[in-house]
Amino acid sequence: MRIRQNTCSIVWVLIVLIACAGLASAAPTALEKAKERGTVVACADPYNLPFSSPDPNTPGFDVEIAKEIATGMGLSIAYHWADTGTRGGLSRALRRSINDGKCDFFMGLPNDDDLIDEYEEKRLEITRPYLGTGYVLVGKEGGRSPQALADAKDAKIGVIMFTVGDMFLSRDGFQTDPYRLNEENLAALQKGDVEFSLMLASKAGWWLHQNPDSGLAIVDGFELDPRMRYSLVIAVRRTEQDLKAVLNQELEKLVASGRIAEIVAKYGVPFFPPSN
């Protein structure tokens, strides 16, 4: 009798497990839910211009790109704002937004090797890259135009202390002047204390866009140093493979058509081809 009771219990457990598995497999994906409600939700940082902002007059290029993606999907766009600058940084922002199901995808993340473990730990996957970026040289308008860092080995270059740019230029024997803030770096360039400033393309482009009479410009034709470049990607939850496929399709179209280059140019940011 005891053996029979145990057998019955096992059968009932199996029935429950099979039923639960069936319910799980029938659960709609994020893409299916988005199509049902007619809206896809993107996560972005609200305090991160030129990338993203809730200000409709200056939304940032990532917000505009997300809208283009939604349009290509035949959907409207909504945003969930996740501050990456608070205590806990990006890790906390990811955990409290996309990991909590507050959005379908997270815009504007670097495909930096140092962050791959972070994405895997959060059970996220990244899309194809859509924008290349990194450190560029800023100089005076009409000045010389080194096409690579090696061409500026004889120049004094302003850098932001404790950054990747500072580390590599110091290690490679460049003449550098370290500054705490980008504004201090650019002020030194305007005064002639340095010949060039090394800055992130997004920061440099946005500052120049806001200060059109500064007399400064990103050096034309400058090629990013491979050690100091990365690309931007979108993160999705690992389980949302159908959404990832659609995002990749839309990003491929936007890059190939030149639309992403047009959008970032509105914010003064140079377009560099994305790379893995």
Foldseek 3Di string as FASTA:
>chain_A
DVVVVVVVVVVVVVVVVVVVVVVVVPDDFLVVVCVVVQEFEEEEAQPDPLCAHPPPVRGHLQVVLVQLLSVVVRGGYHYDHFHQPDPVGPLVSCCPDQLVVNGFKYWWDWPDPVCPVSCVVSQKDWAAFQFKWFKFKKAFPPDDFDQEVVVCQVWEEEEAPPDPVVVVCVVVNGHYDYDPDPVVRLVCRLVVVTGIYIDILRVVQQVCVVVVPSRMDTRPNHDDDPVTMTTIIMMGRNVNPVVSVSSNVSSVVCRVVCVSQVSVVVNRGHTDGHDD
